[in-house]
Amino acid sequence: MNHCLAQIGIENPHLRARAIAIGEGLGVLKDYPTPPNCTSPYAPVRIAEMVKRQP
């Protein structure tokens, strides 16, 4: 579910704000330990990072 939410936010700019809000509300994987130089699986962080990387 978290991966699906992140992909919706990454691929659909018109749904991005809603996907981030839902991710923050759910808080799934918020405290997941993420190694340095890796992207967090927490949906709001993942969405922001992957959108930043898009051309």
PDB file of N, CA and C in Angstrom:
ATOM      1  N   MET A   1       0.820  -1.182   0.000  1.00  0.00           N
ATOM      2  CA  MET A   1       0.000   0.000   0.000  1.00  0.00           C
ATOM      3  C   MET A   1       0.874   1.259   0.000  1.00  0.00           C
ATOM      4  N   ASN A   2       1.927   1.281   0.795  1.00  0.00           N
ATOM      5  CA  ASN A   2       2.807   2.442   0.862  1.00  0.00           C
ATOM      6  C   ASN A   2       3.481   2.697  -0.489  1.00  0.00           C
ATOM      7  N   HIS A   3       3.935   1.646  -1.132  1.00  0.00           N
ATOM      8  CA  HIS A   3       4.585   1.775  -2.441  1.00  0.00           C
ATOM      9  C   HIS A   3       3.598   2.326  -3.470  1.00  0.00           C
ATOM     10  N   CYS A   4       2.388   1.817  -3.449  1.00  0.00           N
ATOM     11  CA  CYS A   4       1.354   2.281  -4.375  1.00  0.00           C
ATOM     12  C   CYS A   4       1.071   3.766  -4.164  1.00  0.00           C
ATOM     13  N   LEU A   5       0.939   4.172  -2.924  1.00  0.00           N
ATOM     14  CA  LEU A   5       0.692   5.575  -2.602  1.00  0.00           C
ATOM     15  C   LEU A   5       1.834   6.456  -3.099  1.00  0.00           C
ATOM     16  N   ALA A   6       3.053   6.012  -2.883  1.00  0.00           N
ATOM     17  CA  ALA A   6       4.213   6.784  -3.342  1.00  0.00           C
ATOM     18  C   ALA A   6       4.218   6.904  -4.865  1.00  0.00           C
ATOM     19  N   GLN A   7       3.947   5.830  -5.560  1.00  0.00           N
ATOM     20  CA  GLN A   7       3.939   5.871  -7.030  1.00  0.00           C
ATOM     21  C   GLN A   7       2.852   6.805  -7.555  1.00  0.00           C
ATOM     22  N   ILE A   8       1.689   6.798  -6.918  1.00  0.00           N
ATOM     23  CA  ILE A   8       0.622   7.719  -7.326  1.00  0.00           C
ATOM     24  C   ILE A   8       1.104   9.158  -7.174  1.00  0.00           C
ATOM     25  N   GLY A   9       1.732   9.472  -6.061  1.00  0.00           N
ATOM     26  CA  GLY A   9       2.234  10.824  -5.835  1.00  0.00           C
ATOM     27  C   GLY A   9       3.358  11.220  -6.779  1.00  0.00           C
ATOM     28  N   ILE A  10       4.179  10.267  -7.147  1.00  0.00           N
ATOM     29  CA  ILE A  10       5.305  10.544  -8.045  1.00  0.00           C
ATOM     30  C   ILE A  10       4.821  10.751  -9.476  1.00  0.00           C
ATOM     31  N   GLU A  11       3.931   9.903  -9.930  1.00  0.00           N
ATOM     32  CA  GLU A  11       3.520   9.892 -11.336  1.00  0.00           C
ATOM     33  C   GLU A  11       2.370  10.841 -11.676  1.00  0.00           C
ATOM     34  N   ASN A  12       1.630  11.324 -10.687  1.00  0.00           N
ATOM     35  CA  ASN A  12       0.447  12.157 -10.939  1.00  0.00           C
ATOM     36  C   ASN A  12       0.543  13.487 -10.203  1.00  0.00           C
ATOM     37  N   PRO A  13       1.044  14.513 -10.875  1.00  0.00           N
ATOM     38  CA  PRO A  13       1.223  15.805 -10.200  1.00  0.00           C
ATOM     39  C   PRO A  13      -0.059  16.360  -9.591  1.00  0.00           C
ATOM     40  N   HIS A  14      -1.198  16.106 -10.211  1.00  0.00           N
ATOM     41  CA  HIS A  14      -2.454  16.639  -9.685  1.00  0.00           C
ATOM     42  C   HIS A  14      -2.923  15.899  -8.423  1.00  0.00           C
ATOM     43  N   LEU A  15      -2.362  14.723  -8.147  1.00  0.00           N
ATOM     44  CA  LEU A  15      -2.701  13.967  -6.943  1.00  0.00           C
ATOM     45  C   LEU A  15      -1.584  13.995  -5.897  1.00  0.00           C
ATOM     46  N   ARG A  16      -0.499  14.664  -6.203  1.00  0.00           N
ATOM     47  CA  ARG A  16       0.687  14.642  -5.346  1.00  0.00           C
ATOM     48  C   ARG A  16       0.422  15.168  -3.941  1.00  0.00           C
ATOM     49  N   ALA A  17      -0.212  16.309  -3.826  1.00  0.00           N
ATOM     50  CA  ALA A  17      -0.467  16.889  -2.503  1.00  0.00           C
ATOM     51  C   ALA A  17      -1.350  15.961  -1.669  1.00  0.00           C
ATOM     52  N   ARG A  18      -2.330  15.366  -2.299  1.00  0.00           N
ATOM     53  CA  ARG A  18      -3.227  14.448  -1.572  1.00  0.00           C
ATOM     54  C   ARG A  18      -2.472  13.199  -1.132  1.00  0.00           C
ATOM     55  N   ALA A  19      -1.616  12.670  -1.996  1.00  0.00           N
ATOM     56  CA  ALA A  19      -0.838  11.477  -1.648  1.00  0.00           C
ATOM     57  C   ALA A  19       0.097  11.770  -0.478  1.00  0.00           C
ATOM     58  N   ILE A  20       0.711  12.930  -0.469  1.00  0.00           N
ATOM     59  CA  ILE A  20       1.592  13.314   0.635  1.00  0.00           C
ATOM     60  C   ILE A  20       0.782  13.447   1.929  1.00  0.00           C
ATOM     61  N   ALA A  21      -0.388  14.068   1.841  1.00  0.00           N
ATOM     62  CA  ALA A  21      -1.234  14.224   3.027  1.00  0.00           C
ATOM     63  C   ALA A  21      -1.672  12.872   3.584  1.00  0.00           C
ATOM     64  N   ILE A  22      -2.044  11.959   2.703  1.00  0.00           N
ATOM     65  CA  ILE A  22      -2.454  10.619   3.138  1.00  0.00           C
ATOM     66  C   ILE A  22      -1.266   9.910   3.783  1.00  0.00           C
ATOM     67  N   GLY A  23      -0.095  10.005   3.164  1.00  0.00           N
ATOM     68  CA  GLY A  23       1.098   9.378   3.723  1.00  0.00           C
ATOM     69  C   GLY A  23       1.444   9.909   5.101  1.00  0.00           C
ATOM     70  N   GLU A  24       1.325  11.213   5.276  1.00  0.00           N
ATOM     71  CA  GLU A  24       1.600  11.807   6.592  1.00  0.00           C
ATOM     72  C   GLU A  24       0.575  11.330   7.616  1.00  0.00           C
ATOM     73  N   GLY A  25      -0.678  11.229   7.195  1.00  0.00           N
ATOM     74  CA  GLY A  25      -1.724  10.776   8.103  1.00  0.00           C
ATOM     75  C   GLY A  25      -1.545   9.331   8.533  1.00  0.00           C
ATOM     76  N   LEU A  26      -1.151   8.479   7.593  1.00  0.00           N
ATOM     77  CA  LEU A  26      -0.951   7.070   7.903  1.00  0.00           C
ATOM     78  C   LEU A  26       0.334   6.837   8.706  1.00  0.00           C
ATOM     79  N   GLY A  27       1.376   7.536   8.334  1.00  0.00           N
ATOM     80  CA  GLY A  27       2.656   7.404   9.038  1.00  0.00           C
ATOM     81  C   GLY A  27       3.353   6.065   8.845  1.00  0.00           C
ATOM     82  N   VAL A  28       2.969   5.321   7.799  1.00  0.00           N
ATOM     83  CA  VAL A  28       3.561   4.004   7.554  1.00  0.00           C
ATOM     84  C   VAL A  28       5.043   4.165   7.199  1.00  0.00           C
ATOM     85  N   LEU A  29       5.896   3.454   7.883  1.00  0.00           N
ATOM     86  CA  LEU A  29       7.355   3.448   7.696  1.00  0.00           C
ATOM     87  C   LEU A  29       8.020   4.787   8.025  1.00  0.00           C
ATOM     88  N   LYS A  30       7.346   5.612   8.803  1.00  0.00           N
ATOM     89  CA  LYS A  30       7.906   6.916   9.162  1.00  0.00           C
ATOM     90  C   LYS A  30       9.223   6.781   9.909  1.00  0.00           C
ATOM     91  N   ASP A  31       9.312   5.805  10.793  1.00  0.00           N
ATOM     92  CA  ASP A  31      10.514   5.614  11.607  1.00  0.00           C
ATOM     93  C   ASP A  31      11.415   4.510  11.076  1.00  0.00           C
ATOM     94  N   TYR A  32      11.245   4.140   9.821  1.00  0.00           N
ATOM     95  CA  TYR A  32      12.032   3.062   9.230  1.00  0.00           C
ATOM     96  C   TYR A  32      13.497   3.498   9.126  1.00  0.00           C
ATOM     97  N   PRO A  33      14.416   2.700   9.649  1.00  0.00           N
ATOM     98  CA  PRO A  33      15.833   3.083   9.575  1.00  0.00           C
ATOM     99  C   PRO A  33      16.327   3.025   8.121  1.00  0.00           C
ATOM    100  N   THR A  34      16.810   4.137   7.644  1.00  0.00           N
ATOM    101  CA  THR A  34      17.269   4.232   6.253  1.00  0.00           C
ATOM    102  C   THR A  34      18.766   4.510   6.237  1.00  0.00           C
ATOM    103  N   PRO A  35      19.533   3.679   5.545  1.00  0.00           N
ATOM    104  CA  PRO A  35      20.977   3.904   5.462  1.00  0.00           C
ATOM    105  C   PRO A  35      21.306   5.224   4.750  1.00  0.00           C
ATOM    106  N   PRO A  36      22.466   5.769   5.023  1.00  0.00           N
ATOM    107  CA  PRO A  36      22.883   6.984   4.320  1.00  0.00           C
ATOM    108  C   PRO A  36      22.883   6.767   2.802  1.00  0.00           C
ATOM    109  N   ASN A  37      22.567   7.797   2.073  1.00  0.00           N
ATOM    110  CA  ASN A  37      22.535   7.786   0.604  1.00  0.00           C
ATOM    111  C   ASN A  37      21.445   6.887   0.034  1.00  0.00           C
ATOM    112  N   CYS A  38      20.439   6.548   0.832  1.00  0.00           N
ATOM    113  CA  CYS A  38      19.293   5.771   0.356  1.00  0.00           C
ATOM    114  C   CYS A  38      18.033   6.608   0.559  1.00  0.00           C
ATOM    115  N   THR A  39      17.021   6.317  -0.240  1.00  0.00           N
ATOM    116  CA  THR A  39      15.758   7.034  -0.126  1.00  0.00           C
ATOM    117  C   THR A  39      14.846   6.321   0.855  1.00  0.00           C
ATOM    118  N   SER A  40      14.285   7.061   1.760  1.00  0.00           N
ATOM    119  CA  SER A  40      13.371   6.510   2.751  1.00  0.00           C
ATOM    120  C   SER A  40      12.131   5.932   2.078  1.00  0.00           C
ATOM    121  N   PRO A  41      11.592   4.833   2.589  1.00  0.00           N
ATOM    122  CA  PRO A  41      10.360   4.287   2.037  1.00  0.00           C
ATOM    123  C   PRO A  41       9.110   5.025   2.536  1.00  0.00           C
ATOM    124  N   TYR A  42       9.266   5.955   3.486  1.00  0.00           N
ATOM    125  CA  TYR A  42       8.146   6.753   3.981  1.00  0.00           C
ATOM    126  C   TYR A  42       7.621   7.592   2.814  1.00  0.00           C
ATOM    127  N   ALA A  43       6.349   7.412   2.472  1.00  0.00           N
ATOM    128  CA  ALA A  43       5.775   7.967   1.242  1.00  0.00           C
ATOM    129  C   ALA A  43       6.034   9.467   1.038  1.00  0.00           C
ATOM    130  N   PRO A  44       5.774  10.352   2.007  1.00  0.00           N
ATOM    131  CA  PRO A  44       6.020  11.776   1.739  1.00  0.00           C
ATOM    132  C   PRO A  44       7.475  12.092   1.386  1.00  0.00           C
ATOM    133  N   VAL A  45       8.404  11.451   2.064  1.00  0.00           N
ATOM    134  CA  VAL A  45       9.825  11.674   1.777  1.00  0.00           C
ATOM    135  C   VAL A  45      10.181  11.083   0.412  1.00  0.00           C
ATOM    136  N   ARG A  46       9.699   9.886   0.141  1.00  0.00           N
ATOM    137  CA  ARG A  46       9.992   9.221  -1.131  1.00  0.00           C
ATOM    138  C   ARG A  46       9.429  10.009  -2.313  1.00  0.00           C
ATOM    139  N   ILE A  47       8.197  10.483  -2.179  1.00  0.00           N
ATOM    140  CA  ILE A  47       7.582  11.274  -3.254  1.00  0.00           C
ATOM    141  C   ILE A  47       8.428  12.510  -3.539  1.00  0.00           C
ATOM    142  N   ALA A  48       8.769  13.257  -2.507  1.00  0.00           N
ATOM    143  CA  ALA A  48       9.560  14.476  -2.685  1.00  0.00           C
ATOM    144  C   ALA A  48      10.895  14.195  -3.345  1.00  0.00           C
ATOM    145  N   GLU A  49      11.576  13.154  -2.892  1.00  0.00           N
ATOM    146  CA  GLU A  49      12.900  12.833  -3.434  1.00  0.00           C
ATOM    147  C   GLU A  49      12.812  12.380  -4.890  1.00  0.00           C
ATOM    148  N   MET A  50      11.871  11.533  -5.216  1.00  0.00           N
ATOM    149  CA  MET A  50      11.773  11.018  -6.581  1.00  0.00           C
ATOM    150  C   MET A  50      11.307  12.099  -7.556  1.00  0.00           C
ATOM    151  N   VAL A  51      10.440  12.988  -7.123  1.00  0.00           N
ATOM    152  CA  VAL A  51      10.012  14.096  -7.982  1.00  0.00           C
ATOM    153  C   VAL A  51      11.180  15.028  -8.251  1.00  0.00           C
ATOM    154  N   LYS A  52      12.007  15.248  -7.226  1.00  0.00           N
ATOM    155  CA  LYS A  52      13.189  16.099  -7.376  1.00  0.00           C
ATOM    156  C   LYS A  52      14.149  15.531  -8.415  1.00  0.00           C
ATOM    157  N   ARG A  53      14.195  14.215  -8.545  1.00  0.00           N
ATOM    158  CA  ARG A  53      15.112  13.549  -9.487  1.00  0.00           C
ATOM    159  C   ARG A  53      14.589  13.498 -10.911  1.00  0.00           C
ATOM    160  N   GLN A  54      13.307  13.784 -11.116  1.00  0.00           N
ATOM    161  CA  GLN A  54      12.738  13.724 -12.462  1.00  0.00           C
ATOM    162  C   GLN A  54      13.324  14.818 -13.339  1.00  0.00           C
ATOM    163  N   PRO A  55      13.494  14.509 -14.625  1.00  0.00           N
ATOM    164  CA  PRO A  55      14.044  15.523 -15.537  1.00  0.00           C
ATOM    165  C   PRO A  55      13.083  16.658 -15.789  1.00  0.00           C
TER     166      PRO A  55
END
